[in-house]
PDB file of N, CA and C in Angstrom:
ATOM      1  N   MET A   1     -75.066-109.385  32.461  1.00  0.00           N
ATOM      2  CA  MET A   1     -75.663-108.444  31.554  1.00  0.00           C
ATOM      3  C   MET A   1     -76.564-107.513  32.327  1.00  0.00           C
ATOM      4  N   ALA A   2     -76.550-106.302  31.902  1.00  0.00           N
ATOM      5  CA  ALA A   2     -77.301-105.239  32.619  1.00  0.00           C
ATOM      6  C   ALA A   2     -78.776-105.252  32.167  1.00  0.00           C
ATOM      7  N   ASP A   3     -79.621-104.688  33.046  1.00  0.00           N
ATOM      8  CA  ASP A   3     -80.983-104.390  32.662  1.00  0.00           C
ATOM      9  C   ASP A   3     -80.985-103.010  32.077  1.00  0.00           C
ATOM     10  N   VAL A   4     -81.589-102.854  30.869  1.00  0.00           N
ATOM     11  CA  VAL A   4     -81.640-101.555  30.244  1.00  0.00           C
ATOM     12  C   VAL A   4     -83.056-101.234  29.875  1.00  0.00           C
ATOM     13  N   GLY A   5     -83.528-100.106  30.315  1.00  0.00           N
ATOM     14  CA  GLY A   5     -84.889 -99.707  29.950  1.00  0.00           C
ATOM     15  C   GLY A   5     -85.935-100.681  30.390  1.00  0.00           C
ATOM     16  N   GLY A   6     -85.725-101.319  31.489  1.00  0.00           N
ATOM     17  CA  GLY A   6     -86.685-102.375  31.993  1.00  0.00           C
ATOM     18  C   GLY A   6     -86.585-103.691  31.313  1.00  0.00           C
ATOM     19  N   ILE A   7     -85.566-103.859  30.451  1.00  0.00           N
ATOM     20  CA  ILE A   7     -85.358-105.151  29.746  1.00  0.00           C
ATOM     21  C   ILE A   7     -84.209-105.858  30.364  1.00  0.00           C
ATOM     22  N   SER A   8     -84.479-107.124  30.769  1.00  0.00           N
ATOM     23  CA  SER A   8     -83.414-107.939  31.393  1.00  0.00           C
ATOM     24  C   SER A   8     -82.544-108.500  30.262  1.00  0.00           C
ATOM     25  N   GLY A   9     -81.303-108.130  30.295  1.00  0.00           N
ATOM     26  CA  GLY A   9     -80.322-108.594  29.334  1.00  0.00           C
ATOM     27  C   GLY A   9     -80.208-110.138  29.277  1.00  0.00           C
ATOM     28  N   GLU A  10     -80.142-110.746  30.483  1.00  0.00           N
ATOM     29  CA  GLU A  10     -80.031-112.225  30.542  1.00  0.00           C
ATOM     30  C   GLU A  10     -81.304-112.893  30.013  1.00  0.00           C
ATOM     31  N   ARG A  11     -82.436-112.366  30.292  1.00  0.00           N
ATOM     32  CA  ARG A  11     -83.699-112.940  29.831  1.00  0.00           C
ATOM     33  C   ARG A  11     -83.780-112.844  28.341  1.00  0.00           C
ATOM     34  N   LEU A  12     -83.405-111.698  27.776  1.00  0.00           N
ATOM     35  CA  LEU A  12     -83.406-111.477  26.302  1.00  0.00           C
ATOM     36  C   LEU A  12     -82.429-112.402  25.629  1.00  0.00           C
ATOM     37  N   LYS A  13     -81.231-112.500  26.236  1.00  0.00           N
ATOM     38  CA  LYS A  13     -80.221-113.424  25.660  1.00  0.00           C
ATOM     39  C   LYS A  13     -80.712-114.888  25.617  1.00  0.00           C
ATOM     40  N   SER A  14     -81.412-115.283  26.683  1.00  0.00           N
ATOM     41  CA  SER A  14     -81.966-116.623  26.756  1.00  0.00           C
ATOM     42  C   SER A  14     -82.955-116.840  25.614  1.00  0.00           C
ATOM     43  N   PHE A  15     -83.860-115.906  25.375  1.00  0.00           N
ATOM     44  CA  PHE A  15     -84.793-116.007  24.309  1.00  0.00           C
ATOM     45  C   PHE A  15     -84.142-116.151  22.937  1.00  0.00           C
ATOM     46  N   ILE A  16     -83.169-115.269  22.725  1.00  0.00           N
ATOM     47  CA  ILE A  16     -82.452-115.210  21.464  1.00  0.00           C
ATOM     48  C   ILE A  16     -81.722-116.516  21.171  1.00  0.00           C
ATOM     49  N   GLU A  17     -81.044-117.050  22.242  1.00  0.00           N
ATOM     50  CA  GLU A  17     -80.356-118.277  22.035  1.00  0.00           C
ATOM     51  C   GLU A  17     -81.289-119.472  21.759  1.00  0.00           C
ATOM     52  N   ARG A  18     -82.436-119.517  22.480  1.00  0.00           N
ATOM     53  CA  ARG A  18     -83.425-120.565  22.181  1.00  0.00           C
ATOM     54  C   ARG A  18     -83.900-120.476  20.773  1.00  0.00           C
ATOM     55  N   ILE A  19     -84.205-119.281  20.279  1.00  0.00           N
ATOM     56  CA  ILE A  19     -84.650-119.158  18.953  1.00  0.00           C
ATOM     57  C   ILE A  19     -83.589-119.550  17.935  1.00  0.00           C
ATOM     58  N   GLU A  20     -82.324-119.166  18.194  1.00  0.00           N
ATOM     59  CA  GLU A  20     -81.253-119.640  17.313  1.00  0.00           C
ATOM     60  C   GLU A  20     -81.175-121.141  17.269  1.00  0.00           C
ATOM     61  N   ARG A  21     -81.287-121.853  18.346  1.00  0.00           N
ATOM     62  CA  ARG A  21     -81.220-123.255  18.387  1.00  0.00           C
ATOM     63  C   ARG A  21     -82.379-123.857  17.569  1.00  0.00           C
ATOM     64  N   LEU A  22     -83.565-123.318  17.765  1.00  0.00           N
ATOM     65  CA  LEU A  22     -84.714-123.797  17.019  1.00  0.00           C
ATOM     66  C   LEU A  22     -84.622-123.540  15.546  1.00  0.00           C
ATOM     67  N   GLU A  23     -84.030-122.390  15.143  1.00  0.00           N
ATOM     68  CA  GLU A  23     -83.740-122.132  13.690  1.00  0.00           C
ATOM     69  C   GLU A  23     -82.779-123.151  13.163  1.00  0.00           C
ATOM     70  N   GLU A  24     -81.743-123.525  13.899  1.00  0.00           N
ATOM     71  CA  GLU A  24     -80.816-124.568  13.413  1.00  0.00           C
ATOM     72  C   GLU A  24     -81.507-125.927  13.258  1.00  0.00           C
ATOM     73  N   GLU A  25     -82.365-126.232  14.224  1.00  0.00           N
ATOM     74  CA  GLU A  25     -83.145-127.464  14.107  1.00  0.00           C
ATOM     75  C   GLU A  25     -84.069-127.497  12.893  1.00  0.00           C
ATOM     76  N   LYS A  26     -84.704-126.322  12.694  1.00  0.00           N
ATOM     77  CA  LYS A  26     -85.571-126.167  11.547  1.00  0.00           C
ATOM     78  C   LYS A  26     -84.840-126.338  10.209  1.00  0.00           C
ATOM     79  N   ALA A  27     -83.660-125.803  10.175  1.00  0.00           N
ATOM     80  CA  ALA A  27     -82.823-125.910   8.918  1.00  0.00           C
ATOM     81  C   ALA A  27     -82.461-127.386   8.732  1.00  0.00           C
ATOM     82  N   ALA A  28     -82.143-128.078   9.782  1.00  0.00           N
ATOM     83  CA  ALA A  28     -81.773-129.510   9.669  1.00  0.00           C
ATOM     84  C   ALA A  28     -82.970-130.356   9.189  1.00  0.00           C
ATOM     85  N   LEU A  29     -84.139-130.030   9.782  1.00  0.00           N
ATOM     86  CA  LEU A  29     -85.337-130.717   9.337  1.00  0.00           C
ATOM     87  C   LEU A  29     -85.646-130.476   7.905  1.00  0.00           C
ATOM     88  N   ALA A  30     -85.463-129.210   7.484  1.00  0.00           N
ATOM     89  CA  ALA A  30     -85.765-128.880   6.064  1.00  0.00           C
ATOM     90  C   ALA A  30     -84.818-129.663   5.143  1.00  0.00           C
ATOM     91  N   ALA A  31     -83.595-129.784   5.544  1.00  0.00           N
ATOM     92  CA  ALA A  31     -82.626-130.587   4.737  1.00  0.00           C
ATOM     93  C   ALA A  31     -83.048-132.060   4.747  1.00  0.00           C
ATOM     94  N   ASP A  32     -83.557-132.572   5.806  1.00  0.00           N
ATOM     95  CA  ASP A  32     -83.970-133.922   5.863  1.00  0.00           C
ATOM     96  C   ASP A  32     -85.189-134.177   4.953  1.00  0.00           C
ATOM     97  N   ILE A  33     -86.133-133.231   4.975  1.00  0.00           N
ATOM     98  CA  ILE A  33     -87.294-133.313   4.135  1.00  0.00           C
ATOM     99  C   ILE A  33     -86.863-133.243   2.653  1.00  0.00           C
ATOM    100  N   LYS A  34     -85.937-132.367   2.297  1.00  0.00           N
ATOM    101  CA  LYS A  34     -85.427-132.315   0.939  1.00  0.00           C
ATOM    102  C   LYS A  34     -84.815-133.596   0.509  1.00  0.00           C
ATOM    103  N   ASP A  35     -84.088-134.283   1.440  1.00  0.00           N
ATOM    104  CA  ASP A  35     -83.463-135.578   1.115  1.00  0.00           C
ATOM    105  C   ASP A  35     -84.562-136.663   0.843  1.00  0.00           C
ATOM    106  N   VAL A  36     -85.635-136.643   1.616  1.00  0.00           N
ATOM    107  CA  VAL A  36     -86.744-137.604   1.395  1.00  0.00           C
ATOM    108  C   VAL A  36     -87.387-137.383   0.065  1.00  0.00           C
ATOM    109  N   PHE A  37     -87.618-136.072  -0.287  1.00  0.00           N
ATOM    110  CA  PHE A  37     -88.186-135.815  -1.628  1.00  0.00           C
ATOM    111  C   PHE A  37     -87.290-136.245  -2.722  1.00  0.00           C
ATOM    112  N   ALA A  38     -85.983-136.059  -2.554  1.00  0.00           N
ATOM    113  CA  ALA A  38     -84.998-136.521  -3.547  1.00  0.00           C
ATOM    114  C   ALA A  38     -85.024-138.029  -3.691  1.00  0.00           C
ATOM    115  N   GLU A  39     -85.116-138.719  -2.563  1.00  0.00           N
ATOM    116  CA  GLU A  39     -85.163-140.216  -2.542  1.00  0.00           C
ATOM    117  C   GLU A  39     -86.441-140.662  -3.259  1.00  0.00           C
ATOM    118  N   ALA A  40     -87.552-139.972  -2.975  1.00  0.00           N
ATOM    119  CA  ALA A  40     -88.871-140.387  -3.632  1.00  0.00           C
ATOM    120  C   ALA A  40     -88.797-140.164  -5.132  1.00  0.00           C
ATOM    121  N   LYS A  41     -88.166-139.046  -5.523  1.00  0.00           N
ATOM    122  CA  LYS A  41     -88.054-138.710  -6.938  1.00  0.00           C
ATOM    123  C   LYS A  41     -87.116-139.739  -7.565  1.00  0.00           C
ATOM    124  N   GLY A  42     -86.102-140.181  -6.964  1.00  0.00           N
ATOM    125  CA  GLY A  42     -85.215-141.171  -7.441  1.00  0.00           C
ATOM    126  C   GLY A  42     -85.893-142.523  -7.618  1.00  0.00           C
ATOM    127  N   ASN A  43     -87.006-142.742  -6.895  1.00  0.00           N
ATOM    128  CA  ASN A  43     -87.776-143.981  -7.032  1.00  0.00           C
ATOM    129  C   ASN A  43     -88.991-143.796  -7.892  1.00  0.00           C
ATOM    130  N   GLY A  44     -89.000-142.686  -8.705  1.00  0.00           N
ATOM    131  CA  GLY A  44     -90.045-142.564  -9.736  1.00  0.00           C
ATOM    132  C   GLY A  44     -91.285-141.786  -9.292  1.00  0.00           C
ATOM    133  N   PHE A  45     -91.305-141.227  -8.086  1.00  0.00           N
ATOM    134  CA  PHE A  45     -92.498-140.533  -7.633  1.00  0.00           C
ATOM    135  C   PHE A  45     -92.457-139.068  -8.113  1.00  0.00           C
ATOM    136  N   ASP A  46     -93.603-138.532  -8.364  1.00  0.00           N
ATOM    137  CA  ASP A  46     -93.715-137.114  -8.775  1.00  0.00           C
ATOM    138  C   ASP A  46     -93.809-136.212  -7.508  1.00  0.00           C
ATOM    139  N   THR A  47     -92.713-135.531  -7.249  1.00  0.00           N
ATOM    140  CA  THR A  47     -92.694-134.735  -6.000  1.00  0.00           C
ATOM    141  C   THR A  47     -93.671-133.593  -5.923  1.00  0.00           C
ATOM    142  N   LYS A  48     -94.065-133.026  -7.112  1.00  0.00           N
ATOM    143  CA  LYS A  48     -95.078-131.987  -7.089  1.00  0.00           C
ATOM    144  C   LYS A  48     -96.393-132.505  -6.621  1.00  0.00           C
ATOM    145  N   ILE A  49     -96.701-133.733  -7.077  1.00  0.00           N
ATOM    146  CA  ILE A  49     -97.984-134.365  -6.651  1.00  0.00           C
ATOM    147  C   ILE A  49     -97.848-134.719  -5.110  1.00  0.00           C
ATOM    148  N   MET A  50     -96.742-135.151  -4.690  1.00  0.00           N
ATOM    149  CA  MET A  50     -96.558-135.467  -3.306  1.00  0.00           C
ATOM    150  C   MET A  50     -96.771-134.237  -2.438  1.00  0.00           C
ATOM    151  N   ARG A  51     -96.241-133.111  -2.871  1.00  0.00           N
ATOM    152  CA  ARG A  51     -96.457-131.843  -2.157  1.00  0.00           C
ATOM    153  C   ARG A  51     -97.963-131.486  -2.070  1.00  0.00           C
ATOM    154  N   GLN A  52     -98.656-131.709  -3.207  1.00  0.00           N
ATOM    155  CA  GLN A  52    -100.091-131.418  -3.164  1.00  0.00           C
ATOM    156  C   GLN A  52    -100.821-132.341  -2.249  1.00  0.00           C
ATOM    157  N   ILE A  53    -100.439-133.611  -2.202  1.00  0.00           N
ATOM    158  CA  ILE A  53    -101.027-134.564  -1.280  1.00  0.00           C
ATOM    159  C   ILE A  53    -100.805-134.096   0.171  1.00  0.00           C
ATOM    160  N   LEU A  54     -99.626-133.713   0.469  1.00  0.00           N
ATOM    161  CA  LEU A  54     -99.260-133.245   1.808  1.00  0.00           C
ATOM    162  C   LEU A  54    -100.133-132.064   2.177  1.00  0.00           C
ATOM    163  N   LYS A  55    -100.308-131.095   1.240  1.00  0.00           N
ATOM    164  CA  LYS A  55    -101.169-129.953   1.527  1.00  0.00           C
ATOM    165  C   LYS A  55    -102.573-130.340   1.794  1.00  0.00           C
ATOM    166  N   ILE A  56    -103.110-131.298   0.985  1.00  0.00           N
ATOM    167  CA  ILE A  56    -104.506-131.693   1.074  1.00  0.00           C
ATOM    168  C   ILE A  56    -104.697-132.395   2.446  1.00  0.00           C
ATOM    169  N   ARG A  57    -103.736-133.235   2.849  1.00  0.00           N
ATOM    170  CA  ARG A  57    -103.829-133.979   4.102  1.00  0.00           C
ATOM    171  C   ARG A  57    -103.893-133.094   5.298  1.00  0.00           C
ATOM    172  N   LYS A  58    -103.379-131.871   5.159  1.00  0.00           N
ATOM    173  CA  LYS A  58    -103.431-130.932   6.316  1.00  0.00           C
ATOM    174  C   LYS A  58    -104.775-130.216   6.444  1.00  0.00           C
ATOM    175  N   MET A  59    -105.537-130.283   5.331  1.00  0.00           N
ATOM    176  CA  MET A  59    -106.775-129.542   5.264  1.00  0.00           C
ATOM    177  C   MET A  59    -107.923-130.270   5.887  1.00  0.00           C
ATOM    178  N   ASP A  60    -108.949-129.487   6.299  1.00  0.00           N
ATOM    179  CA  ASP A  60    -110.211-130.059   6.762  1.00  0.00           C
ATOM    180  C   ASP A  60    -110.973-130.639   5.622  1.00  0.00           C
ATOM    181  N   LYS A  61    -111.680-131.757   5.897  1.00  0.00           N
ATOM    182  CA  LYS A  61    -112.411-132.485   4.832  1.00  0.00           C
ATOM    183  C   LYS A  61    -113.393-131.548   4.050  1.00  0.00           C
ATOM    184  N   ASP A  62    -114.086-130.707   4.818  1.00  0.00           N
ATOM    185  CA  ASP A  62    -115.058-129.789   4.136  1.00  0.00           C
ATOM    186  C   ASP A  62    -114.316-128.838   3.177  1.00  0.00           C
ATOM    187  N   ASP A  63    -113.150-128.360   3.565  1.00  0.00           N
ATOM    188  CA  ASP A  63    -112.390-127.468   2.699  1.00  0.00           C
ATOM    189  C   ASP A  63    -111.959-128.221   1.445  1.00  0.00           C
ATOM    190  N   VAL A  64    -111.518-129.476   1.624  1.00  0.00           N
ATOM    191  CA  VAL A  64    -111.110-130.288   0.448  1.00  0.00           C
ATOM    192  C   VAL A  64    -112.242-130.471  -0.452  1.00  0.00           C
ATOM    193  N   ASP A  65    -113.386-130.853   0.052  1.00  0.00           N
ATOM    194  CA  ASP A  65    -114.608-131.090  -0.766  1.00  0.00           C
ATOM    195  C   ASP A  65    -115.023-129.849  -1.504  1.00  0.00           C
ATOM    196  N   GLU A  66    -114.947-128.715  -0.840  1.00  0.00           N
ATOM    197  CA  GLU A  66    -115.337-127.395  -1.473  1.00  0.00           C
ATOM    198  C   GLU A  66    -114.346-127.120  -2.593  1.00  0.00           C
ATOM    199  N   GLN A  67    -113.069-127.279  -2.405  1.00  0.00           N
ATOM    200  CA  GLN A  67    -112.088-127.027  -3.427  1.00  0.00           C
ATOM    201  C   GLN A  67    -112.277-127.973  -4.626  1.00  0.00           C
ATOM    202  N   GLU A  68    -112.531-129.204  -4.387  1.00  0.00           N
ATOM    203  CA  GLU A  68    -112.669-130.196  -5.476  1.00  0.00           C
ATOM    204  C   GLU A  68    -113.935-129.845  -6.251  1.00  0.00           C
ATOM    205  N   THR A  69    -115.034-129.378  -5.596  1.00  0.00           N
ATOM    206  CA  THR A  69    -116.275-129.043  -6.229  1.00  0.00           C
ATOM    207  C   THR A  69    -115.999-127.826  -7.134  1.00  0.00           C
ATOM    208  N   LEU A  70    -115.268-126.838  -6.602  1.00  0.00           N
ATOM    209  CA  LEU A  70    -115.031-125.612  -7.374  1.00  0.00           C
ATOM    210  C   LEU A  70    -114.106-125.913  -8.557  1.00  0.00           C
ATOM    211  N   LEU A  71    -113.133-126.817  -8.382  1.00  0.00           N
ATOM    212  CA  LEU A  71    -112.183-127.165  -9.444  1.00  0.00           C
ATOM    213  C   LEU A  71    -112.989-127.839 -10.561  1.00  0.00           C
ATOM    214  N   ASP A  72    -113.871-128.718 -10.241  1.00  0.00           N
ATOM    215  CA  ASP A  72    -114.738-129.420 -11.240  1.00  0.00           C
ATOM    216  C   ASP A  72    -115.620-128.386 -11.975  1.00  0.00           C
ATOM    217  N   LEU A  73    -116.204-127.468 -11.229  1.00  0.00           N
ATOM    218  CA  LEU A  73    -117.041-126.459 -11.822  1.00  0.00           C
ATOM    219  C   LEU A  73    -116.255-125.572 -12.796  1.00  0.00           C
ATOM    220  N   TYR A  74    -115.074-125.133 -12.427  1.00  0.00           N
ATOM    221  CA  TYR A  74    -114.227-124.312 -13.286  1.00  0.00           C
ATOM    222  C   TYR A  74    -113.819-125.081 -14.531  1.00  0.00           C
ATOM    223  N   LYS A  75    -113.455-126.358 -14.343  1.00  0.00           N
ATOM    224  CA  LYS A  75    -113.018-127.143 -15.484  1.00  0.00           C
ATOM    225  C   LYS A  75    -114.237-127.329 -16.459  1.00  0.00           C
ATOM    226  N   GLN A  76    -115.416-127.572 -15.920  1.00  0.00           N
ATOM    227  CA  GLN A  76    -116.570-127.624 -16.767  1.00  0.00           C
ATOM    228  C   GLN A  76    -116.802-126.333 -17.531  1.00  0.00           C
ATOM    229  N   ALA A  77    -116.663-125.225 -16.856  1.00  0.00           N
ATOM    230  CA  ALA A  77    -116.886-123.952 -17.490  1.00  0.00           C
ATOM    231  C   ALA A  77    -115.879-123.658 -18.620  1.00  0.00           C
ATOM    232  N   LEU A  78    -114.683-124.224 -18.469  1.00  0.00           N
ATOM    233  CA  LEU A  78    -113.619-124.064 -19.468  1.00  0.00           C
ATOM    234  C   LEU A  78    -113.688-125.162 -20.540  1.00  0.00           C
ATOM    235  N   GLY A  79    -114.644-126.063 -20.455  1.00  0.00           N
ATOM    236  CA  GLY A  79    -114.716-127.172 -21.388  1.00  0.00           C
ATOM    237  C   GLY A  79    -113.629-128.187 -21.285  1.00  0.00           C
ATOM    238  N   MET A  80    -113.156-128.335 -20.078  1.00  0.00           N
ATOM    239  CA  MET A  80    -112.028-129.269 -19.841  1.00  0.00           C
ATOM    240  C   MET A  80    -112.521-130.651 -19.411  1.00  0.00           C
ATOM    241  N   MET A  81    -113.799-130.834 -19.176  1.00  0.00           N
ATOM    242  CA  MET A  81    -114.327-132.105 -18.774  1.00  0.00           C
ATOM    243  C   MET A  81    -115.350-132.614 -19.826  1.00  0.00           C
ATOM    244  N   GLU A  82    -115.379-133.874 -19.962  1.00  0.00           N
ATOM    245  CA  GLU A  82    -116.302-134.474 -20.930  1.00  0.00           C
ATOM    246  C   GLU A  82    -117.580-134.852 -20.287  1.00  0.00           C
TER     247      GLU A  82
END
């Protein structure tokens, strides 16, 4: 491959091929995750709640505490808590 405008064709091709392989792996992982959610749903678990739990587990504890406090405050303001 030729160098064009200061761009190495071989180097560019290498990057593109690596990205393509990673995209294929990402698609395979997404399919695997979908299968696990389907299995969990088949065993009676609520997948919406599982997704929320996964999101919360990624968060910093202080952020979780702040969101829970605000959620409680909003629910009280709307008369949703006794």
